[in-house]
Protein backbone atom coordinates (compact mmCIF):
# COMPACT_ATOMS: atom_id res chain seq x y z
CA MET A 1 109.64 103.95 16.89
CA ARG A 2 107.65 101.51 14.32
CA ALA A 3 108.87 99.65 11.80
CA ALA A 4 108.64 100.84 8.48
CA THR A 5 106.36 98.60 6.31
CA ALA A 6 107.88 97.61 2.89
CA ARG A 7 105.33 98.56 0.38
CA PRO A 8 105.06 96.53 -2.59
CA PRO A 9 106.02 98.81 -5.72
CA ARG A 10 103.65 100.15 -7.84
CA PRO A 11 103.18 98.44 -11.16
CA GLN A 12 104.62 100.71 -13.88
CA THR A 13 101.78 101.02 -16.72
CA PRO A 14 103.49 102.09 -19.85
CA PRO A 15 102.10 104.71 -21.72
CA LYS A 16 99.17 104.20 -24.18
CA THR A 17 100.28 104.34 -27.84
CA PRO A 18 97.74 105.10 -30.41
CA ARG A 19 97.02 102.69 -32.54
CA VAL A 20 95.33 102.99 -36.15
CA ALA A 21 91.93 101.34 -35.93
CA ALA A 22 91.85 97.72 -37.87
CA SER A 23 89.29 99.16 -40.13
CA ILE A 24 91.86 102.19 -41.71
CA ASP A 25 92.85 101.26 -45.23
CA ILE A 26 95.17 103.22 -47.01
CA ARG A 27 94.95 103.05 -50.83
CA PRO A 28 95.01 105.12 -53.93
CA VAL A 29 91.98 107.37 -54.71
CA THR A 30 90.12 106.62 -57.97
CA ARG A 31 88.44 109.37 -60.28
CA ALA A 32 85.12 107.72 -59.26
CA GLU A 33 85.66 108.94 -55.46
CA ALA A 34 86.06 112.35 -56.64
CA ALA A 35 83.06 113.49 -54.76
CA ALA A 36 84.79 112.15 -51.61
CA TRP A 37 87.91 113.75 -52.32
CA ARG A 38 86.13 116.92 -53.04
CA ALA A 39 85.20 116.99 -49.67
CA LEU A 40 87.97 116.35 -47.82
CA ARG A 41 90.05 119.04 -50.17
CA LEU A 42 87.71 121.38 -49.18
CA GLU A 43 87.30 121.17 -45.46
CA MET A 44 91.12 120.80 -45.51
CA LEU A 45 91.71 124.08 -47.04
CA GLU A 46 88.69 125.66 -45.16
CA ARG A 47 89.92 124.78 -41.68
CA HIS A 48 93.92 124.79 -42.27
CA PRO A 49 94.58 127.48 -44.78
CA THR A 50 97.87 127.89 -43.99
CA ALA A 51 99.08 124.62 -44.22
CA PHE A 52 98.44 124.27 -48.06
CA ASN A 53 99.49 126.18 -51.06
CA SER A 54 95.95 126.27 -52.45
CA SER A 55 93.16 127.55 -50.97
CA TYR A 56 89.42 126.69 -49.68
CA GLU A 57 88.72 130.10 -51.99
CA GLU A 58 89.97 129.43 -55.21
CA TRP A 59 88.78 125.61 -55.11
CA ARG A 60 85.23 126.08 -53.44
CA ASP A 61 83.30 126.85 -56.63
CA ARG A 62 85.09 124.37 -59.17
CA ASP A 63 83.12 121.68 -60.02
CA LEU A 64 83.19 117.64 -59.52
CA ASP A 65 85.44 117.09 -63.16
CA ALA A 66 88.44 119.94 -61.48
CA PHE A 67 88.90 117.89 -58.64
CA ALA A 68 88.70 114.47 -60.53
CA ALA A 69 91.65 115.79 -62.44
CA ARG A 70 93.75 116.08 -59.80
CA ILE A 71 93.24 112.43 -59.24
CA PRO A 72 96.30 110.71 -60.77
CA GLU A 73 95.37 107.64 -62.59
CA SER A 74 98.50 106.30 -63.84
CA GLY A 75 102.41 106.12 -63.63
CA PRO A 76 103.98 106.89 -60.22
CA ASP A 77 101.88 109.86 -59.16
CA VAL A 78 99.08 108.78 -56.84
CA LEU A 79 97.07 110.42 -54.37
CA PHE A 80 96.51 107.73 -51.04
CA GLY A 81 93.50 107.47 -48.97
CA ALA A 82 92.73 106.73 -45.34
CA TYR A 83 89.64 104.93 -45.54
CA VAL A 84 87.38 104.53 -42.56
CA GLY A 85 84.89 101.98 -43.71
CA ASP A 86 83.80 103.48 -47.20
CA ALA A 87 84.61 106.69 -45.93
CA LEU A 88 87.92 108.61 -47.01
CA SER A 89 89.01 110.24 -43.91
CA GLY A 90 92.60 111.40 -44.76
CA SER A 91 95.13 111.77 -47.85
CA ALA A 92 98.51 112.24 -48.86
CA GLY A 93 99.68 112.68 -52.16
CA PHE A 94 103.11 111.85 -54.27
CA SER A 95 104.56 113.13 -57.48
CA ARG A 96 107.82 112.82 -59.12
CA GLU A 97 109.50 115.32 -60.90
CA PRO A 98 108.77 115.31 -64.41
CA ARG A 99 112.04 116.44 -66.15
CA LEU A 100 115.07 114.07 -66.81
CA LYS A 101 117.43 115.93 -64.53
CA THR A 102 115.18 115.46 -61.40
CA ALA A 103 113.23 112.76 -61.96
CA HIS A 104 115.30 110.98 -59.17
CA LYS A 105 113.14 113.62 -56.59
CA GLY A 106 109.46 113.29 -55.60
CA VAL A 107 106.97 115.43 -53.10
CA MET A 108 104.79 114.51 -51.03
CA SER A 109 101.38 116.78 -50.43
CA SER A 110 98.20 117.02 -49.18
CA LEU A 111 98.69 114.93 -45.68
CA TYR A 112 95.52 115.34 -43.92
CA VAL A 113 93.70 113.58 -41.30
CA LYS A 114 89.76 114.00 -40.80
CA ALA A 115 90.23 115.54 -36.59
CA GLU A 116 88.12 112.43 -35.20
CA TRP A 117 91.00 110.28 -36.91
CA ARG A 118 94.23 112.33 -35.50
CA GLY A 119 96.13 110.65 -32.54
CA ARG A 120 95.54 107.25 -34.03
CA ARG A 121 98.83 106.98 -36.25
CA VAL A 122 96.52 107.54 -39.53
CA GLY A 123 99.22 110.23 -40.57
CA GLU A 124 101.78 108.10 -39.79
CA ALA A 125 100.22 105.39 -41.96
CA LEU A 126 99.49 107.41 -44.53
CA ILE A 127 103.15 108.83 -44.70
CA GLN A 128 104.57 105.01 -44.73
CA ARG A 129 102.33 104.28 -47.53
CA VAL A 130 104.14 107.48 -49.19
CA ILE A 131 107.31 106.28 -48.61
CA GLY A 132 107.05 102.93 -50.18
CA HIS A 133 105.81 103.85 -53.06
CA ALA A 134 108.58 106.53 -53.22
CA ARG A 135 111.13 103.80 -52.97
CA GLU A 136 110.31 102.71 -56.02
CA HIS A 137 110.25 105.65 -58.23
CA VAL A 138 112.65 108.05 -56.68
CA SER A 139 115.82 108.50 -54.35
CA LEU A 140 114.62 111.49 -52.51
CA LEU A 141 111.29 112.55 -51.33
CA LEU A 142 110.54 116.35 -50.65
CA CYS A 143 107.73 118.06 -48.47
CA SER A 144 107.27 121.38 -46.43
CA VAL A 145 105.70 122.04 -44.25
CA ALA A 146 104.54 125.59 -42.35
CA SER A 147 107.54 126.69 -39.79
CA ASP A 148 104.83 127.09 -37.25
CA ASN A 149 102.84 123.53 -37.47
CA ALA A 150 104.96 121.62 -34.47
CA ALA A 151 102.34 118.39 -35.11
CA ALA A 152 102.92 118.05 -38.58
CA SER A 153 107.02 118.89 -38.35
CA GLY A 154 107.53 116.71 -35.43
CA LEU A 155 105.75 114.07 -37.38
CA TYR A 156 107.83 114.32 -40.46
CA ARG A 157 110.88 114.39 -38.67
CA ARG A 158 109.75 111.20 -36.40
CA MET A 159 109.42 109.47 -39.99
CA GLY A 160 112.78 110.20 -40.81
CA PHE A 161 112.59 113.79 -42.69
CA VAL A 162 115.07 116.50 -42.27
CA ALA A 163 115.05 120.26 -42.83
CA TYR A 164 117.16 121.46 -45.42
CA GLY A 165 116.25 124.85 -45.44
CA THR A 166 113.42 127.17 -44.79
CA GLU A 167 111.57 129.34 -47.39
CA PRO A 168 110.62 132.58 -45.94
CA ARG A 169 107.35 134.37 -46.58
CA ALA A 170 106.05 130.95 -48.67
CA LEU A 171 102.47 131.64 -47.99
CA ARG A 172 100.60 134.89 -47.69
CA TYR A 173 97.22 134.66 -46.02
CA GLY A 174 95.00 137.21 -44.27
CA GLY A 175 97.70 139.97 -44.36
CA ARG A 176 100.13 137.51 -43.02
CA ASP A 177 103.66 136.05 -44.29
CA TYR A 178 104.10 132.36 -43.16
CA ASP A 179 107.38 130.61 -43.89
CA GLU A 180 107.62 126.83 -44.65
CA ASP A 181 110.44 124.42 -43.51
CA LEU A 182 111.80 122.34 -46.72
CA LEU A 183 112.43 118.68 -45.73
CA VAL A 184 114.10 115.68 -47.41
CA LEU A 185 113.94 111.85 -47.03
CA THR A 186 116.74 110.02 -48.36
CA LEU A 187 115.48 106.74 -49.94
CA ASP A 188 118.54 105.13 -51.47
């Protein structure tokens, strides 16, 4: 019988965690950057038609001024951009409810990251920036996500959002109805 030789244990390699590239800057988009916002917005609407309430078809022929008008200039509302150098590579918006009785609530919208930057925590960085900004203005942050969008839903839940309902048939596109999960993050 041969004596068993002990092998040294194999070192465990920790799973690689995607990191945000050092060159990513999360900051408000300005109206002077409307052309970049137009290109990003049209890309998100065309490539992911069931992820947004707006449609590519209703925005593709609008002029630059229409896109610039959607970029908040003052007040609590803001459109954050994820910039790689000077290139706008992602976005997330925040708007506070305007009425007196609902002004304690804000909505996060238009979260999008270009395909080449996904998996690098850019979406997480955008959401964190929106949450930090929202804490200064509201006590509840709302968002919605297509019920079949597991990646976005998982990201929101990892960031602390919880579901409070589902809107059935929230969107209709291509002859099909899509449900949306309604999510909330309590900030106080």
